[in-house]
Protein backbone atom coordinates (compact mmCIF):
# COMPACT_ATOMS: atom_id res chain seq x y z
CA MET A 1 9.06 6.26 12.32
CA THR A 2 5.37 4.40 13.85
CA GLN A 3 4.63 1.14 12.47
CA LYS A 4 1.21 1.47 10.73
CA THR A 5 -2.02 -0.38 12.67
CA VAL A 6 -3.97 -3.42 11.83
CA TYR A 7 -6.70 -1.09 10.93
CA ASP A 8 -4.56 1.52 8.95
CA HIS A 9 -3.90 -1.11 6.80
CA TRP A 10 -7.53 -2.22 6.31
CA ARG A 11 -8.45 1.76 5.40
CA ALA A 12 -5.50 2.06 3.19
CA SER A 13 -7.17 -1.18 0.95
CA GLY A 14 -10.59 0.39 1.18
CA LEU A 15 -12.37 -0.63 4.07
CA SER A 16 -14.90 1.32 5.62
CA ARG A 17 -15.14 2.20 9.42
CA ARG A 18 -18.51 0.60 9.36
CA ASP A 19 -17.31 -2.60 7.68
CA PHE A 20 -14.68 -2.70 10.27
CA MET A 21 -16.55 -2.78 12.65
CA LYS A 22 -18.75 -5.76 11.40
CA PHE A 23 -15.84 -7.57 11.01
CA CYS A 24 -14.43 -6.91 14.76
CA GLY A 25 -17.52 -8.45 15.96
CA THR A 26 -17.37 -11.29 13.65
CA LEU A 27 -13.99 -11.63 15.20
CA ALA A 28 -15.36 -11.55 18.57
CA GLY A 29 -18.14 -14.00 18.22
CA LEU A 30 -15.79 -16.75 16.36
CA MET A 31 -13.12 -16.01 19.31
CA GLY A 32 -16.14 -17.11 21.72
CA LEU A 33 -16.68 -13.81 22.85
CA GLU A 34 -13.81 -14.43 25.76
CA ALA A 35 -13.49 -10.16 25.43
CA ALA A 36 -16.69 -9.45 26.86
CA PRO A 37 -16.90 -7.52 29.94
CA PRO A 38 -18.72 -9.13 32.76
CA LEU A 39 -21.89 -8.01 33.67
CA MET A 40 -21.46 -4.65 35.47
CA ALA A 41 -24.18 -3.64 39.00
CA PHE A 42 -26.99 -1.66 37.72
CA GLY A 43 -26.09 1.92 37.68
CA ALA A 44 -22.62 1.42 36.61
CA PRO A 45 -21.27 2.47 33.52
CA PRO A 46 -21.43 -0.09 30.89
CA GLY A 47 -17.82 -1.67 29.89
CA PRO A 48 -16.91 -1.96 26.20
CA SER A 49 -18.54 -4.50 23.80
CA PRO A 50 -16.47 -7.69 22.49
CA ALA A 51 -16.66 -5.75 19.18
CA GLY A 52 -15.16 -2.43 20.33
CA LEU A 53 -12.90 -4.17 22.52
CA VAL A 54 -11.31 -5.92 19.44
CA ALA A 55 -11.46 -2.83 17.32
CA GLU A 56 -9.20 -1.13 20.05
CA ALA A 57 -6.65 -3.51 20.20
CA LEU A 58 -6.81 -3.57 15.86
CA ALA A 59 -6.32 0.06 16.13
CA SER A 60 -3.56 0.09 18.37
CA LYS A 61 -1.74 -2.96 17.08
CA PRO A 62 0.71 -3.65 14.45
CA LEU A 63 0.95 -6.57 11.71
CA LEU A 64 1.63 -9.03 13.47
CA PRO A 65 4.84 -11.13 12.28
CA VAL A 66 4.26 -14.73 11.30
CA ILE A 67 6.43 -17.71 10.54
CA TRP A 68 5.02 -20.47 8.79
CA LEU A 69 6.56 -23.64 9.27
CA GLU A 70 6.21 -27.32 6.46
CA LEU A 71 7.25 -30.17 7.81
CA GLN A 72 6.43 -33.93 7.25
CA ASP A 73 3.05 -32.89 5.70
CA CYS A 74 1.15 -32.81 2.56
CA ALA A 75 0.37 -29.02 2.55
CA GLY A 76 -3.36 -29.55 2.67
CA CYS A 77 -3.54 -27.44 5.47
CA THR A 78 -2.51 -24.15 3.34
CA GLU A 79 -4.51 -25.31 0.49
CA ALA A 80 -7.32 -24.95 2.66
CA ILE A 81 -6.56 -21.76 3.73
CA SER A 82 -5.17 -20.34 0.28
CA ARG A 83 -8.29 -22.23 -0.93
CA SER A 84 -10.83 -20.85 1.32
CA GLN A 85 -14.23 -19.49 0.27
CA SER A 86 -15.09 -16.92 3.47
CA PRO A 87 -12.89 -13.65 2.56
CA SER A 88 -15.05 -11.87 5.53
CA LEU A 89 -13.25 -13.33 7.88
CA VAL A 90 -9.74 -15.85 6.93
CA ASN A 91 -8.65 -13.40 4.24
CA LEU A 92 -9.39 -10.33 6.70
CA VAL A 93 -7.28 -12.21 9.17
CA LEU A 94 -4.25 -12.89 6.72
CA ASN A 95 -4.30 -9.29 5.60
CA SER A 96 -3.52 -8.58 9.45
CA ILE A 97 -0.60 -10.75 9.78
CA ALA A 98 2.91 -10.48 8.14
CA VAL A 99 3.99 -13.83 6.92
CA ASN A 100 7.43 -13.59 6.62
CA TYR A 101 8.39 -17.33 5.92
CA HIS A 102 6.22 -19.61 4.20
CA GLU A 103 8.10 -21.80 1.89
CA THR A 104 5.29 -23.20 -0.09
CA LEU A 105 3.74 -19.78 -0.44
CA MET A 106 6.35 -17.53 -0.74
CA ALA A 107 8.09 -16.76 -3.90
CA ALA A 108 11.55 -16.52 -2.86
CA ALA A 109 13.60 -19.92 -2.48
CA GLY A 110 16.85 -21.31 -1.85
CA PHE A 111 18.96 -18.52 0.37
CA GLN A 112 17.30 -15.56 -0.20
CA ALA A 113 13.62 -17.57 1.67
CA GLU A 114 16.12 -18.93 4.29
CA SER A 115 17.54 -15.41 5.15
CA ALA A 116 13.75 -14.32 5.23
CA MET A 117 13.31 -16.38 7.97
CA THR A 118 17.03 -15.74 9.77
CA GLU A 119 15.98 -11.77 9.47
CA THR A 120 12.28 -12.05 10.96
CA MET A 121 13.62 -14.08 13.86
CA ALA A 122 15.92 -11.66 14.75
CA LYS A 123 14.27 -8.47 14.10
CA PHE A 124 11.26 -9.80 15.69
CA LYS A 125 12.42 -12.07 18.49
CA GLY A 126 9.60 -12.77 21.14
CA GLN A 127 7.13 -11.31 19.00
CA TYR A 128 6.37 -13.45 16.22
CA LEU A 129 3.83 -16.01 16.15
CA LEU A 130 4.99 -19.73 14.65
CA VAL A 131 2.90 -21.66 12.78
CA VAL A 132 3.98 -25.35 12.37
CA GLU A 133 1.95 -27.67 9.75
CA GLY A 134 3.38 -31.02 9.74
CA SER A 135 4.62 -33.20 11.76
CA PRO A 136 8.69 -33.14 13.40
CA SER A 137 10.67 -36.62 12.78
CA SER A 138 12.51 -37.75 15.78
CA GLY A 139 13.70 -40.48 14.78
CA ALA A 140 17.29 -42.16 13.22
CA ASP A 141 18.92 -38.79 14.46
CA GLY A 142 17.24 -36.38 12.92
CA ALA A 143 18.00 -38.11 9.40
CA TYR A 144 14.28 -37.59 8.03
CA CYS A 145 12.45 -34.29 6.89
CA MET A 146 15.90 -32.29 6.07
CA VAL A 147 15.47 -28.96 5.13
CA ALA A 148 18.87 -27.21 3.61
CA GLY A 149 20.90 -30.03 4.92
CA ARG A 150 19.36 -29.41 8.58
CA SER A 151 16.79 -31.88 10.50
CA SER A 152 13.11 -30.72 10.79
CA LEU A 153 13.88 -31.12 15.09
CA ASP A 154 16.76 -28.70 14.54
CA ILE A 155 14.72 -25.95 12.17
CA LEU A 156 11.62 -26.11 14.84
CA GLY A 157 13.83 -25.57 17.68
CA GLU A 158 15.41 -22.90 16.28
CA ALA A 159 12.17 -21.05 15.10
CA ALA A 160 10.51 -22.15 18.45
CA ALA A 161 12.78 -20.58 20.62
CA GLY A 162 11.86 -17.06 19.56
CA ALA A 163 8.45 -17.40 19.09
CA ALA A 164 5.63 -15.31 21.39
CA ALA A 165 3.79 -18.56 20.57
CA VAL A 166 2.90 -21.90 18.60
CA ILE A 167 0.20 -22.92 16.49
CA ALA A 168 0.61 -26.49 15.24
CA THR A 169 -2.20 -26.66 12.40
CA GLY A 170 -3.51 -30.04 11.01
CA ASN A 171 -3.35 -33.54 12.33
CA CYS A 172 0.25 -33.97 11.53
CA ALA A 173 1.42 -31.13 13.37
CA ALA A 174 -0.68 -31.28 16.14
CA PHE A 175 -0.57 -35.29 16.64
CA GLY A 176 1.92 -36.79 14.03
CA GLY A 177 -0.54 -37.20 11.84
CA LEU A 178 -0.62 -39.80 8.70
CA PRO A 179 3.21 -39.69 9.23
CA ALA A 180 3.26 -41.32 12.42
CA ALA A 181 1.24 -44.26 11.58
CA ARG A 182 2.05 -47.39 12.20
CA PRO A 183 5.07 -48.74 12.20
CA ASN A 184 6.16 -44.82 12.24
CA PRO A 185 9.11 -45.15 10.40
CA THR A 186 10.34 -41.47 10.85
CA GLY A 187 9.42 -41.14 14.60
CA ALA A 188 6.62 -38.42 13.51
CA CYS A 189 5.49 -36.84 16.55
CA GLY A 190 3.23 -33.46 17.61
CA VAL A 191 4.86 -30.45 17.94
CA SER A 192 4.04 -30.16 21.55
CA GLU A 193 6.23 -33.01 22.31
CA VAL A 194 9.37 -31.64 21.22
CA VAL A 195 8.61 -27.76 22.01
CA LYS A 196 8.43 -28.01 25.84
CA ASP A 197 9.35 -24.08 26.90
CA ARG A 198 6.61 -22.07 25.05
CA PRO A 199 2.77 -22.46 24.93
CA VAL A 200 1.62 -24.52 22.12
CA VAL A 201 -1.87 -24.69 21.00
CA ASN A 202 -2.95 -27.61 18.24
CA ILE A 203 -5.83 -27.12 15.87
CA PRO A 204 -5.98 -30.91 14.52
CA GLY A 205 -8.19 -31.88 11.63
CA CYS A 206 -6.93 -33.05 8.04
CA PRO A 207 -7.25 -30.08 6.80
CA ALA A 208 -8.16 -27.82 9.58
CA ILE A 209 -10.89 -26.10 8.96
CA PRO A 210 -9.51 -22.46 8.02
CA GLU A 211 -11.82 -20.44 10.04
CA VAL A 212 -10.14 -22.43 13.21
CA THR A 213 -6.58 -21.74 12.49
CA THR A 214 -7.51 -18.24 11.70
CA GLY A 215 -10.15 -17.83 14.54
CA THR A 216 -6.93 -18.92 16.92
CA ILE A 217 -4.82 -16.18 15.12
CA ALA A 218 -6.71 -13.56 15.74
CA HIS A 219 -7.65 -14.22 19.14
CA PHE A 220 -3.63 -14.36 19.54
CA LEU A 221 -3.68 -10.90 17.43
CA VAL A 222 -6.36 -9.23 19.23
CA LEU A 223 -5.63 -11.09 23.24
CA GLY A 224 -2.11 -11.37 22.66
CA ALA A 225 -2.45 -15.08 24.13
CA LEU A 226 -3.37 -18.53 22.95
CA PRO A 227 -6.88 -19.01 23.59
CA LYS A 228 -8.28 -21.92 26.17
CA THR A 229 -7.58 -25.21 25.43
CA ASP A 230 -8.76 -28.98 26.43
CA ALA A 231 -6.63 -31.63 28.06
CA LEU A 232 -5.34 -32.21 24.26
CA LYS A 233 -4.70 -27.91 23.73
CA ARG A 234 -7.38 -27.70 21.19
CA PRO A 235 -9.18 -24.57 21.40
CA VAL A 236 -12.29 -25.16 23.34
CA THR A 237 -14.44 -22.56 21.41
CA PHE A 238 -13.90 -25.20 18.35
CA TYR A 239 -13.46 -28.30 20.09
CA GLY A 240 -15.32 -28.58 23.35
CA HIS A 241 -18.43 -30.27 21.42
CA THR A 242 -18.54 -33.20 19.19
CA ILE A 243 -19.39 -33.44 15.31
CA HIS A 244 -22.42 -35.45 16.62
CA ASP A 245 -23.72 -33.10 18.89
CA HIS A 246 -24.68 -30.48 15.74
CA CYS A 247 -25.15 -32.93 13.61
CA LEU A 248 -27.77 -32.81 10.54
CA ARG A 249 -28.42 -36.80 10.56
CA ARG A 250 -28.78 -36.51 14.56
CA PRO A 251 -32.70 -37.20 14.45
CA PHE A 252 -32.26 -40.33 12.65
CA TYR A 253 -29.10 -41.71 15.13
CA GLU A 254 -31.97 -40.85 18.25
CA ALA A 255 -34.65 -42.69 16.40
CA GLY A 256 -32.63 -45.96 15.69
CA LYS A 257 -32.25 -45.34 11.95
CA PHE A 258 -29.04 -46.02 10.46
CA ALA A 259 -27.77 -46.74 6.91
CA GLY A 260 -26.67 -50.15 6.24
CA SER A 261 -24.59 -49.14 2.60
CA PHE A 262 -23.49 -45.60 0.63
CA ASP A 263 -25.97 -46.75 -2.33
CA GLY A 264 -29.36 -47.84 -0.20
CA PRO A 265 -32.72 -46.03 0.21
CA GLY A 266 -31.38 -45.31 3.79
CA ALA A 267 -28.51 -43.11 3.08
CA ARG A 268 -30.46 -41.61 0.41
CA ALA A 269 -33.03 -40.18 2.82
CA GLY A 270 -30.05 -38.93 5.15
CA GLU A 271 -30.18 -41.68 7.49
CA CYS A 272 -26.87 -41.47 10.21
CA LEU A 273 -24.17 -43.30 9.03
CA TYR A 274 -22.61 -44.50 12.13
CA LYS A 275 -22.88 -48.15 10.99
CA LEU A 276 -20.72 -47.18 7.91
CA GLY A 277 -18.32 -46.41 10.38
CA CYS A 278 -19.02 -42.52 11.30
CA LYS A 279 -16.51 -41.66 13.53
CA GLY A 280 -19.40 -38.32 14.85
CA PRO A 281 -20.35 -39.06 18.37
CA THR A 282 -16.31 -39.43 19.05
CA THR A 283 -14.67 -36.54 17.24
CA TYR A 284 -14.44 -33.32 18.44
CA ASN A 285 -13.95 -30.30 16.12
CA ALA A 286 -16.38 -27.52 14.67
CA CYS A 287 -17.15 -29.19 11.24
CA SER A 288 -20.67 -29.99 11.78
CA SER A 289 -20.99 -26.07 12.89
CA LEU A 290 -18.59 -23.58 11.05
CA LYS A 291 -19.30 -26.04 7.98
CA TRP A 292 -16.93 -25.84 4.97
CA MET A 293 -17.01 -23.30 1.51
CA GLN A 294 -18.83 -20.39 3.52
CA GLY A 295 -21.05 -22.95 5.75
CA LEU A 296 -22.32 -25.13 2.91
CA SER A 297 -21.65 -28.73 4.07
CA PHE A 298 -19.22 -30.55 5.66
CA PRO A 299 -18.41 -34.88 5.13
CA VAL A 300 -21.02 -36.69 7.23
CA GLN A 301 -23.95 -33.78 5.67
CA SER A 302 -22.43 -34.68 2.09
CA GLY A 303 -22.58 -38.35 3.06
CA HIS A 304 -19.35 -39.51 3.37
CA PRO A 305 -18.55 -40.97 7.51
CA CYS A 306 -16.89 -38.84 9.99
CA LEU A 307 -13.16 -40.33 10.44
CA GLY A 308 -12.28 -38.89 13.30
CA CYS A 309 -9.20 -36.46 11.89
CA SER A 310 -8.99 -34.26 14.40
CA GLU A 311 -8.43 -36.66 17.20
CA PRO A 312 -5.09 -38.42 18.17
CA ARG A 313 -4.14 -41.55 16.28
CA PHE A 314 -7.02 -41.45 13.48
CA TRP A 315 -5.42 -43.38 11.32
CA ASP A 316 -4.59 -46.55 13.79
CA GLY A 317 -8.22 -46.16 15.11
CA GLY A 318 -9.34 -49.10 12.93
CA GLY A 319 -10.98 -49.18 9.76
CA PHE A 320 -12.57 -46.22 8.62
CA TYR A 321 -16.01 -47.97 7.24
CA GLN A 322 -16.40 -49.85 10.52
CA GLY A 323 -18.50 -48.98 12.99
CA GLN A 324 -16.31 -48.16 15.92
CA SER A 325 -15.71 -45.54 18.27
CA ALA A 326 -12.15 -43.40 17.52
CA PRO A 327 -9.50 -42.60 20.46
CA LEU A 328 -11.18 -39.46 22.22
CA LEU A 329 -10.52 -37.80 25.26
CA THR A 330 -13.49 -36.26 26.59
CA PRO A 331 -13.56 -32.51 27.60
CA THR A 332 -15.22 -31.39 30.84
CA ALA A 333 -18.91 -30.76 30.77
CA ALA A 334 -18.74 -26.77 31.33
CA ALA A 335 -15.90 -26.58 28.29
CA ALA A 336 -18.68 -28.75 25.94
CA GLY A 337 -21.46 -26.36 27.14
CA LEU A 338 -19.43 -23.31 26.74
CA ALA A 339 -18.28 -24.30 23.04
CA ALA A 340 -21.77 -25.12 21.96
CA GLY A 341 -23.06 -21.79 22.56
CA ILE A 342 -20.00 -20.39 21.03
CA GLY A 343 -20.02 -22.63 18.33
CA ALA A 344 -24.23 -21.04 17.74
CA ALA A 345 -22.45 -17.32 17.95
CA ALA A 346 -19.64 -18.15 15.75
CA GLY A 347 -21.77 -19.07 12.75
CA ALA A 348 -24.62 -16.85 13.23
CA ALA A 349 -21.55 -13.91 13.07
CA LEU A 350 -20.25 -15.72 10.08
CA ALA A 351 -23.78 -16.01 8.42
CA ALA A 352 -24.31 -12.20 8.85
CA ALA A 353 -20.99 -11.46 7.72
CA ASN A 354 -21.28 -13.30 4.46
CA GLY A 355 -24.89 -12.31 3.89
CA ALA A 356 -23.88 -8.39 4.32
CA LYS A 357 -21.40 -9.27 1.00
CA LYS A 358 -23.77 -11.00 -1.07
CA ARG A 359 -26.03 -8.10 -0.55
CA ARG A 360 -23.07 -5.44 -1.32
CA ALA A 361 -22.38 -7.99 -4.42
CA GLY A 362 -25.92 -7.49 -5.68
CA LYS A 363 -25.99 -3.33 -5.17
CA ALA A 364 -22.61 -3.04 -6.82
CA VAL A 365 -24.62 -5.06 -9.50
CA ALA A 366 -27.54 -3.53 -10.08
CA SER A 367 -25.74 0.41 -10.10
CA PRO A 368 -24.78 0.38 -13.81
CA ARG A 369 -27.96 -1.03 -14.59
CA GLN A 370 -29.62 2.20 -12.82
CA GLY A 371 -27.00 4.18 -14.33
CA SER A 372 -27.34 3.22 -17.79
CA SER A 373 -31.12 4.60 -18.09
CA ASP A 374 -31.02 8.29 -16.46
């Protein structure tokens, strides 16, 4: 029996063809338009649009099987995705995959949960996507972070061996995060430090932005490959520019106006928080472009300095409220320029999708009143 495609599942849930194409356009924008064909010579037939390429892929591919591991972490990235307020993108992507194992969210427990993971690895060997949240423990011969009597290294190694690709979501999985802070008694490390024979992409952040994680999953779902990354294995689409680049407080930085305290007139006027410890100029992430809660805000906009949580060793980078730089590895100028344009395109696509959702909701509220007056 032929497997249902992603599009088949969406149509069964009531999604119209029109909305399907809108969502494909949003995904194409969030993915950085990497699927866009090169400009054709004058007179040559045009190639499919980015949205068209996404639509073709989703209309022909089955649900993507996913195994989601929780290692040394607080489950904050799972919380962020499960509580996301961007149903036009996050929920749609999550409905395009089959999360066959996620010990935090799944109803099964004990041997039933372990059986689900084992069966998925056997049935979809070489096809499933492995998402890892939390850092593996390499200390004391694996004595830390034991699950069902097995070490995190053992579980990760087995799951990664049959995976098509690995996504390390959150700073803990990407770089070790808080568990790796000095003196790092558990030997916490990033997933890419122990998984060497599979493609790995890092989605750092504490927690990771939901749209960044799902956008990376969508890239693999549509194109069958992980997105282009920088030297730290982070997608340049989302990590090619700093928080400072798109920060609303940057004009004050350029004017040399810095808040001296959190309760002073400068802070209330929106002045730059650099002297209060903001790591925005040295932190690469999409917080200031994608933001959080349907693009409502992000920490700096809300009055708190950026802590640099998408950079390696951010916990050991000095005091959070001291005006100093966090460790960083600067991407190339070309990558930064590309990401800046992509961030604007993705933000516009998300805004359009959310705007369409609000308009539909307004019509739904208005229609009963219209009917009652007839």
